[in-house]
Amino acid sequence: MPHHIVITKPLNRRARTLTRCNVDWVRTERSHTRLDRVFARLDREPERPAHVGMPRMSRHRMVLLGATLAFYGAIVWAVVATSWLVRLDWQVMFFRPYQQWPELHAFVDYYVVLGQRGPTAVMVAAWLGWRSWRQHTLRPLLALGVSLLLLNITVGAAKYGMGRLGPHYATEIGSNEMWLGGDIFPSGHTANAVVTWGILAYLASTPRARRWLSALSAVTSLGVGLSTVYIGTHWLSDVLLGWAAGLLILLALPWFEPLIARAEARILTVRDRLRDRRRTKAPVPAPAGRPVVVRPLIERAAGTVHEPVTAGRAARSPVYLAPGPHTSRAERSPVTPVGSRRPQHTDRHPRGTTPAPRP
């Protein structure tokens, strides 16, 4: 049985370098970071995704809405009746957490910003605006606007309707401080944190992302509420009622989805009309090769500008043209001028004569 002998030639330095570079390129190409995968997924969704479903008022959501509404009413009743919840508020107030853990004060001052209306609305609106541009829909921004509008109406009405004073302005120890002109019940920071960060979970495209974002928004909003208790600007019952008030808005938001859809359709219709009107008002460029005649301003001032001939008026011949039928150039009799066509010059003399001497 014959044996085949393969003689391999050793690679030179250049071939070894190219081979090593190719191997390194293959190795680096295989290892993708998580950020690369996120951008690759975003590049695959330039249009509005069809799999994103709008939340509906299902039975599960209705049960949660009813339970949250009952919890809201229970908190209000417990404060109005000056029950154990009010005594707990006073105990936490006398405990003074900002004096027990003073090293947390610097962190809490920054963390409580996550519940302020302005900064959080700007951050979330920027993200939802970019998402609206990527998906070619106005629903994320409109949903954020509707939720903030509901938050201002419901929480603002409850604040000024019950008029509870805060811990720093309390007048009587052990009282509920209701209907005394305050505006802290429920906590606006907590409710705003629930709505602002919870709208990201509401608009999530997958159920898994919705669950994770819901848990994250709940923890963040409770942390913001406890931060206000730590600083001493809110009672503990204010935080609980604010958390329930924000959750009620998120749970009731599917009822406003038809309104959001109609508003989006109307805005897009107005945009299309404005775009069409702008296109019709665009000036028509003059054809190349035809000269553009610009009348001077003197004619406009003197009133000698000729008006264009309309379709209803018959075009009249100018005065300087002779009346009668128009004849073509071939039918006209040629007229030869007598004499030279050159103009007469008095300073010239005919040939052969001597010009007079100049003085």
Protein backbone atom coordinates (compact mmCIF):
# COMPACT_ATOMS: atom_id res chain seq x y z
CA MET A 1 0.00 0.00 0.00
CA PRO A 2 1.65 3.22 -1.10
CA HIS A 3 2.19 5.96 1.39
CA HIS A 4 1.67 9.61 0.46
CA ILE A 5 4.30 11.92 1.80
CA VAL A 6 3.24 15.56 2.20
CA ILE A 7 6.05 18.05 2.35
CA THR A 8 4.97 21.25 4.11
CA LYS A 9 6.84 24.41 3.43
CA PRO A 10 7.42 26.61 6.47
CA LEU A 11 5.59 29.91 6.41
CA ASN A 12 7.61 33.06 6.12
CA ARG A 13 7.29 35.97 8.52
CA ARG A 14 4.67 37.86 6.48
CA ALA A 15 2.41 34.82 6.12
CA ARG A 16 2.64 34.10 9.86
CA THR A 17 1.69 37.72 10.64
CA LEU A 18 -1.32 37.62 8.31
CA THR A 19 -2.47 34.32 9.77
CA ARG A 20 -2.17 35.63 13.32
CA CYS A 21 -4.14 38.79 12.38
CA ASN A 22 -6.90 36.72 10.80
CA VAL A 23 -7.15 34.52 13.87
CA ASP A 24 -7.28 37.57 16.15
CA TRP A 25 -9.97 39.16 13.94
CA VAL A 26 -12.11 36.01 14.11
CA ARG A 27 -11.72 35.88 17.87
CA THR A 28 -12.67 39.54 18.35
CA GLU A 29 -15.60 39.24 15.96
CA ARG A 30 -17.17 36.38 17.89
CA SER A 31 -17.18 38.16 21.25
CA HIS A 32 -19.97 40.76 21.21
CA THR A 33 -20.71 42.92 24.18
CA ARG A 34 -24.19 43.41 25.60
CA LEU A 35 -24.27 47.00 24.32
CA ASP A 36 -23.58 45.78 20.78
CA ARG A 37 -26.49 43.35 21.02
CA VAL A 38 -28.80 46.11 22.29
CA PHE A 39 -27.93 48.41 19.37
CA ALA A 40 -28.27 45.54 16.92
CA ARG A 41 -31.76 44.86 18.25
CA LEU A 42 -32.70 48.52 17.95
CA ASP A 43 -31.45 48.61 14.36
CA ARG A 44 -33.79 45.74 13.52
CA GLU A 45 -36.81 47.81 14.63
CA PRO A 46 -36.82 50.96 12.48
CA GLU A 47 -40.60 50.79 12.05
CA ARG A 48 -43.43 50.55 14.53
CA PRO A 49 -43.28 47.03 15.99
CA ALA A 50 -46.42 45.03 15.39
CA HIS A 51 -45.99 42.75 18.40
CA VAL A 52 -46.32 45.57 20.96
CA GLY A 53 -49.78 45.17 22.42
CA MET A 54 -51.70 47.84 24.28
CA PRO A 55 -52.65 46.94 27.86
CA ARG A 56 -56.35 46.20 28.23
CA MET A 57 -58.65 46.43 31.21
CA SER A 58 -58.53 42.74 31.94
CA ARG A 59 -60.07 41.05 34.95
CA HIS A 60 -56.72 40.91 36.72
CA ARG A 61 -56.21 44.64 36.21
CA MET A 62 -59.72 45.39 37.41
CA VAL A 63 -59.09 43.38 40.60
CA LEU A 64 -55.87 45.31 41.23
CA LEU A 65 -57.63 48.59 40.57
CA GLY A 66 -60.39 47.73 43.05
CA ALA A 67 -57.91 46.61 45.71
CA THR A 68 -55.80 49.75 45.32
CA LEU A 69 -58.88 51.94 45.52
CA ALA A 70 -59.93 50.17 48.73
CA PHE A 71 -56.43 50.67 50.14
CA TYR A 72 -56.65 54.37 49.24
CA GLY A 73 -59.94 54.75 51.04
CA ALA A 74 -58.65 52.84 54.09
CA ILE A 75 -55.64 55.15 54.44
CA VAL A 76 -57.84 58.25 54.23
CA TRP A 77 -60.29 56.86 56.79
CA ALA A 78 -57.47 55.88 59.16
CA VAL A 79 -56.04 59.40 59.09
CA VAL A 80 -59.39 61.15 59.38
CA ALA A 81 -60.37 58.93 62.34
CA THR A 82 -57.01 59.60 64.07
CA SER A 83 -56.32 55.88 64.40
CA TRP A 84 -53.12 53.96 65.07
CA LEU A 85 -51.71 55.19 61.74
CA VAL A 86 -51.65 58.78 63.01
CA ARG A 87 -49.92 57.64 66.22
CA LEU A 88 -47.34 55.86 64.06
CA ASP A 89 -46.81 59.06 62.11
CA TRP A 90 -46.03 60.96 65.30
CA GLN A 91 -43.70 58.24 66.59
CA VAL A 92 -41.66 58.31 63.35
CA MET A 93 -41.61 62.09 63.49
CA PHE A 94 -40.23 62.13 67.06
CA PHE A 95 -37.71 59.44 66.13
CA ARG A 96 -36.11 61.94 63.71
CA PRO A 97 -34.36 59.61 61.25
CA TYR A 98 -32.16 62.40 59.91
CA GLN A 99 -30.57 62.62 63.37
CA GLN A 100 -30.28 58.87 63.84
CA TRP A 101 -28.41 58.34 60.55
CA PRO A 102 -26.82 61.67 59.60
CA GLU A 103 -24.35 60.00 57.21
CA LEU A 104 -27.22 59.26 54.79
CA HIS A 105 -28.34 62.84 54.49
CA ALA A 106 -26.14 63.74 51.49
CA PHE A 107 -27.27 60.67 49.54
CA VAL A 108 -30.94 61.19 50.37
CA ASP A 109 -30.82 64.81 49.19
CA TYR A 110 -29.84 63.59 45.71
CA TYR A 111 -32.05 60.51 45.71
CA VAL A 112 -35.21 62.45 46.46
CA VAL A 113 -34.79 64.26 43.11
CA LEU A 114 -36.08 61.08 41.46
CA GLY A 115 -39.53 62.11 42.68
CA GLN A 116 -39.51 65.74 41.56
CA ARG A 117 -41.79 66.56 38.64
CA GLY A 118 -39.43 68.58 36.45
CA PRO A 119 -36.22 66.51 36.28
CA THR A 120 -37.98 63.15 36.06
CA ALA A 121 -40.41 64.33 33.38
CA VAL A 122 -37.55 65.66 31.25
CA MET A 123 -35.54 62.44 31.52
CA VAL A 124 -38.46 60.13 30.78
CA ALA A 125 -39.77 62.39 27.98
CA ALA A 126 -36.34 62.34 26.30
CA TRP A 127 -36.26 58.55 26.33
CA LEU A 128 -39.88 58.20 25.14
CA GLY A 129 -39.30 60.83 22.46
CA TRP A 130 -36.39 58.85 21.06
CA ARG A 131 -38.51 55.72 21.19
CA SER A 132 -41.38 57.47 19.39
CA TRP A 133 -38.98 58.54 16.66
CA ARG A 134 -37.64 55.01 16.28
CA GLN A 135 -41.08 53.37 16.19
CA HIS A 136 -42.83 56.12 14.18
CA THR A 137 -45.63 56.59 16.69
CA LEU A 138 -46.67 59.29 19.15
CA ARG A 139 -48.25 56.90 21.65
CA PRO A 140 -45.38 56.90 24.22
CA LEU A 141 -45.30 60.69 24.49
CA LEU A 142 -49.09 60.99 24.53
CA ALA A 143 -49.37 58.32 27.23
CA LEU A 144 -46.85 60.21 29.36
CA GLY A 145 -48.76 63.46 28.87
CA VAL A 146 -52.12 61.89 29.80
CA SER A 147 -50.68 60.24 32.91
CA LEU A 148 -49.07 63.47 34.14
CA LEU A 149 -52.30 65.36 33.49
CA LEU A 150 -54.28 62.82 35.52
CA LEU A 151 -51.65 63.00 38.26
CA ASN A 152 -51.92 66.78 38.54
CA ILE A 153 -55.72 66.69 38.63
CA THR A 154 -56.27 63.84 41.10
CA VAL A 155 -53.36 64.38 43.48
CA GLY A 156 -53.72 68.17 43.40
CA ALA A 157 -57.43 67.95 44.19
CA ALA A 158 -56.76 65.55 47.09
CA LYS A 159 -53.97 67.74 48.49
CA TYR A 160 -55.97 70.95 48.60
CA GLY A 161 -59.22 69.19 49.46
CA MET A 162 -57.93 67.57 52.66
CA GLY A 163 -55.44 70.32 53.55
CA ARG A 164 -53.20 68.37 55.91
CA LEU A 165 -50.19 70.06 57.50
CA GLY A 166 -46.71 68.52 57.42
CA PRO A 167 -44.54 67.48 60.36
CA HIS A 168 -42.64 70.78 60.41
CA TYR A 169 -45.89 72.77 60.67
CA ALA A 170 -47.84 70.53 63.07
CA THR A 171 -49.87 72.45 65.65
CA GLU A 172 -51.03 69.80 68.15
CA ILE A 173 -49.30 66.58 69.16
CA GLY A 174 -51.34 63.51 68.32
CA SER A 175 -53.78 65.25 65.95
CA ASN A 176 -54.28 64.34 62.33
CA GLU A 177 -53.66 67.96 61.18
CA MET A 178 -56.42 67.71 58.58
CA TRP A 179 -58.22 70.69 56.92
CA LEU A 180 -55.75 73.23 58.21
CA GLY A 181 -54.58 74.61 54.85
CA GLY A 182 -51.72 72.20 54.13
CA ASP A 183 -50.88 70.44 50.86
CA ILE A 184 -48.90 67.28 51.66
CA PHE A 185 -51.54 64.54 51.79
CA PRO A 186 -50.92 62.46 49.64
CA SER A 187 -47.20 62.72 48.93
CA GLY A 188 -46.63 64.29 45.51
CA HIS A 189 -43.03 63.02 45.28
CA THR A 190 -44.15 59.42 45.79
CA ALA A 191 -47.07 59.61 43.37
CA ASN A 192 -44.91 61.31 40.75
CA ALA A 193 -42.22 58.63 41.09
CA VAL A 194 -44.82 55.88 40.67
CA VAL A 195 -46.32 57.44 37.53
CA THR A 196 -43.13 58.71 35.88
CA TRP A 197 -41.09 55.54 36.27
CA GLY A 198 -44.09 53.23 36.05
CA ILE A 199 -45.01 54.55 32.59
CA LEU A 200 -41.84 52.87 31.32
CA ALA A 201 -43.19 49.53 32.53
CA TYR A 202 -46.61 50.33 31.09
CA LEU A 203 -45.09 50.95 27.63
CA ALA A 204 -42.71 47.96 27.73
CA SER A 205 -42.72 45.80 24.61
CA THR A 206 -42.35 42.38 26.30
CA PRO A 207 -44.04 40.89 29.41
CA ARG A 208 -40.66 40.15 30.97
CA ALA A 209 -39.49 43.74 30.62
CA ARG A 210 -42.84 44.90 31.99
CA ARG A 211 -42.45 42.79 35.13
CA TRP A 212 -38.89 43.93 35.79
CA LEU A 213 -39.70 47.59 35.19
CA SER A 214 -42.79 47.36 37.40
CA ALA A 215 -40.76 46.01 40.30
CA LEU A 216 -38.05 48.62 39.74
CA SER A 217 -40.53 51.51 39.64
CA ALA A 218 -42.26 50.25 42.82
CA VAL A 219 -38.97 50.06 44.72
CA THR A 220 -37.85 53.45 43.42
CA SER A 221 -41.10 55.17 44.37
CA LEU A 222 -41.14 53.66 47.86
CA GLY A 223 -37.51 54.73 48.28
CA VAL A 224 -38.42 58.28 47.28
CA GLY A 225 -41.29 58.28 49.77
CA LEU A 226 -39.13 57.02 52.61
CA SER A 227 -36.56 59.67 51.72
CA THR A 228 -39.17 62.36 52.36
CA VAL A 229 -39.97 60.72 55.70
CA TYR A 230 -36.25 60.67 56.53
CA ILE A 231 -35.92 64.38 55.78
CA GLY A 232 -39.08 65.14 57.75
CA THR A 233 -41.23 66.76 55.06
CA HIS A 234 -43.95 64.04 54.99
CA TRP A 235 -45.78 61.73 57.34
CA LEU A 236 -45.56 58.01 56.74
CA SER A 237 -49.26 57.91 55.84
CA ASP A 238 -48.62 60.55 53.15
CA VAL A 239 -46.17 58.18 51.45
CA LEU A 240 -48.61 55.25 51.54
CA LEU A 241 -51.42 57.33 50.06
CA GLY A 242 -49.14 58.79 47.38
CA TRP A 243 -48.02 55.33 46.33
CA ALA A 244 -51.67 54.24 46.02
CA ALA A 245 -52.61 57.42 44.10
CA GLY A 246 -49.89 56.86 41.50
CA LEU A 247 -50.76 53.19 41.13
CA LEU A 248 -54.42 54.06 40.51
CA ILE A 249 -53.43 56.25 37.56
CA LEU A 250 -51.31 53.52 35.96
CA LEU A 251 -54.02 50.91 36.42
CA ALA A 252 -56.73 53.17 34.93
CA LEU A 253 -54.60 54.30 31.98
CA PRO A 254 -55.96 51.64 29.50
CA TRP A 255 -59.34 53.40 29.68
CA PHE A 256 -57.70 56.39 27.99
CA GLU A 257 -56.09 54.41 25.15
CA PRO A 258 -58.91 55.25 22.66
CA LEU A 259 -58.44 58.94 23.48
CA ILE A 260 -54.69 58.60 22.91
CA ALA A 261 -55.28 56.87 19.56
CA ARG A 262 -57.68 59.61 18.39
CA ALA A 263 -55.28 62.34 19.47
CA GLU A 264 -52.43 60.65 17.60
CA ALA A 265 -54.50 60.31 14.43
CA ARG A 266 -55.58 63.96 14.61
CA ILE A 267 -52.02 65.21 15.14
CA LEU A 268 -50.73 63.17 12.22
CA THR A 269 -53.57 64.46 10.01
CA VAL A 270 -52.73 68.07 10.86
CA ARG A 271 -49.07 67.38 10.15
CA ASP A 272 -49.89 65.94 6.72
CA ARG A 273 -52.09 68.93 5.87
CA LEU A 274 -49.36 71.39 6.81
CA ARG A 275 -46.83 69.43 4.80
CA ASP A 276 -49.09 69.43 1.72
CA ARG A 277 -49.79 73.14 2.09
CA ARG A 278 -46.08 73.88 2.32
CA ARG A 279 -45.45 71.91 -0.83
CA THR A 280 -48.16 73.77 -2.77
CA LYS A 281 -46.81 77.15 -1.67
CA ALA A 282 -43.31 76.33 -2.90
CA PRO A 283 -42.31 78.63 -5.89
CA VAL A 284 -42.22 77.00 -9.33
CA PRO A 285 -38.75 77.39 -10.87
CA ALA A 286 -38.55 79.12 -14.25
CA PRO A 287 -37.64 76.92 -17.23
CA ALA A 288 -33.99 77.02 -18.20
CA GLY A 289 -33.40 78.92 -21.44
CA ARG A 290 -36.29 81.42 -21.12
CA PRO A 291 -35.05 84.84 -20.00
CA VAL A 292 -36.66 86.34 -16.94
CA VAL A 293 -37.69 89.97 -17.51
CA VAL A 294 -37.53 92.15 -14.42
CA ARG A 295 -39.29 95.51 -14.77
CA PRO A 296 -37.55 98.38 -13.03
CA LEU A 297 -39.05 100.08 -10.04
CA ILE A 298 -39.41 103.33 -12.02
CA GLU A 299 -42.15 101.83 -14.16
CA ARG A 300 -43.98 100.66 -11.05
CA ALA A 301 -43.77 104.13 -9.52
CA ALA A 302 -44.92 105.85 -12.73
CA GLY A 303 -47.81 103.45 -13.20
CA THR A 304 -46.71 102.27 -16.64
CA VAL A 305 -46.52 98.61 -15.79
CA HIS A 306 -48.40 96.59 -18.40
CA GLU A 307 -51.06 94.30 -16.99
CA PRO A 308 -51.13 90.71 -18.19
CA VAL A 309 -53.82 89.85 -20.68
CA THR A 310 -56.47 87.66 -19.12
CA ALA A 311 -58.50 85.02 -20.83
CA GLY A 312 -61.67 87.18 -20.85
CA ARG A 313 -60.06 90.23 -22.54
CA ALA A 314 -59.10 90.27 -26.18
CA ALA A 315 -55.51 91.20 -26.87
CA ARG A 316 -55.36 94.57 -28.70
CA SER A 317 -52.56 95.48 -31.03
CA PRO A 318 -50.29 98.36 -29.97
CA VAL A 319 -50.93 101.85 -31.34
CA TYR A 320 -47.66 102.08 -33.26
CA LEU A 321 -48.58 99.12 -35.51
CA ALA A 322 -50.52 99.84 -38.72
CA PRO A 323 -54.07 98.51 -38.85
CA GLY A 324 -54.97 95.77 -41.24
CA PRO A 325 -54.19 92.14 -41.73
CA HIS A 326 -50.76 90.94 -40.86
CA THR A 327 -48.60 89.83 -43.80
CA SER A 328 -45.74 87.44 -43.63
CA ARG A 329 -42.19 88.47 -44.33
CA ALA A 330 -42.07 86.65 -47.68
CA GLU A 331 -45.10 88.59 -49.02
CA ARG A 332 -43.68 92.02 -48.27
CA SER A 333 -41.97 94.06 -51.06
CA PRO A 334 -38.30 94.65 -50.38
CA VAL A 335 -37.37 98.22 -49.70
CA THR A 336 -33.81 99.20 -50.56
CA PRO A 337 -32.61 102.40 -48.95
CA VAL A 338 -31.16 105.05 -51.28
CA GLY A 339 -27.60 106.05 -50.61
CA SER A 340 -25.13 104.79 -48.13
CA ARG A 341 -26.27 103.41 -44.80
CA ARG A 342 -23.32 104.93 -43.03
CA PRO A 343 -24.04 108.15 -41.12
CA GLN A 344 -22.75 111.50 -42.34
CA HIS A 345 -19.56 112.74 -40.66
CA THR A 346 -18.76 116.41 -41.09
CA ASP A 347 -15.21 116.06 -39.92
CA ARG A 348 -14.28 113.66 -42.71
CA HIS A 349 -13.18 114.67 -46.26
CA PRO A 350 -13.46 112.73 -49.49
CA ARG A 351 -10.50 110.91 -50.79
CA GLY A 352 -8.05 112.88 -53.02
CA THR A 353 -8.56 116.23 -51.27
CA THR A 354 -6.24 117.87 -48.81
CA PRO A 355 -7.79 118.63 -45.47
CA ALA A 356 -7.66 122.18 -44.24
CA PRO A 357 -4.91 122.91 -41.73
CA ARG A 358 -5.90 122.94 -38.12
CA PRO A 359 -5.64 126.21 -36.27
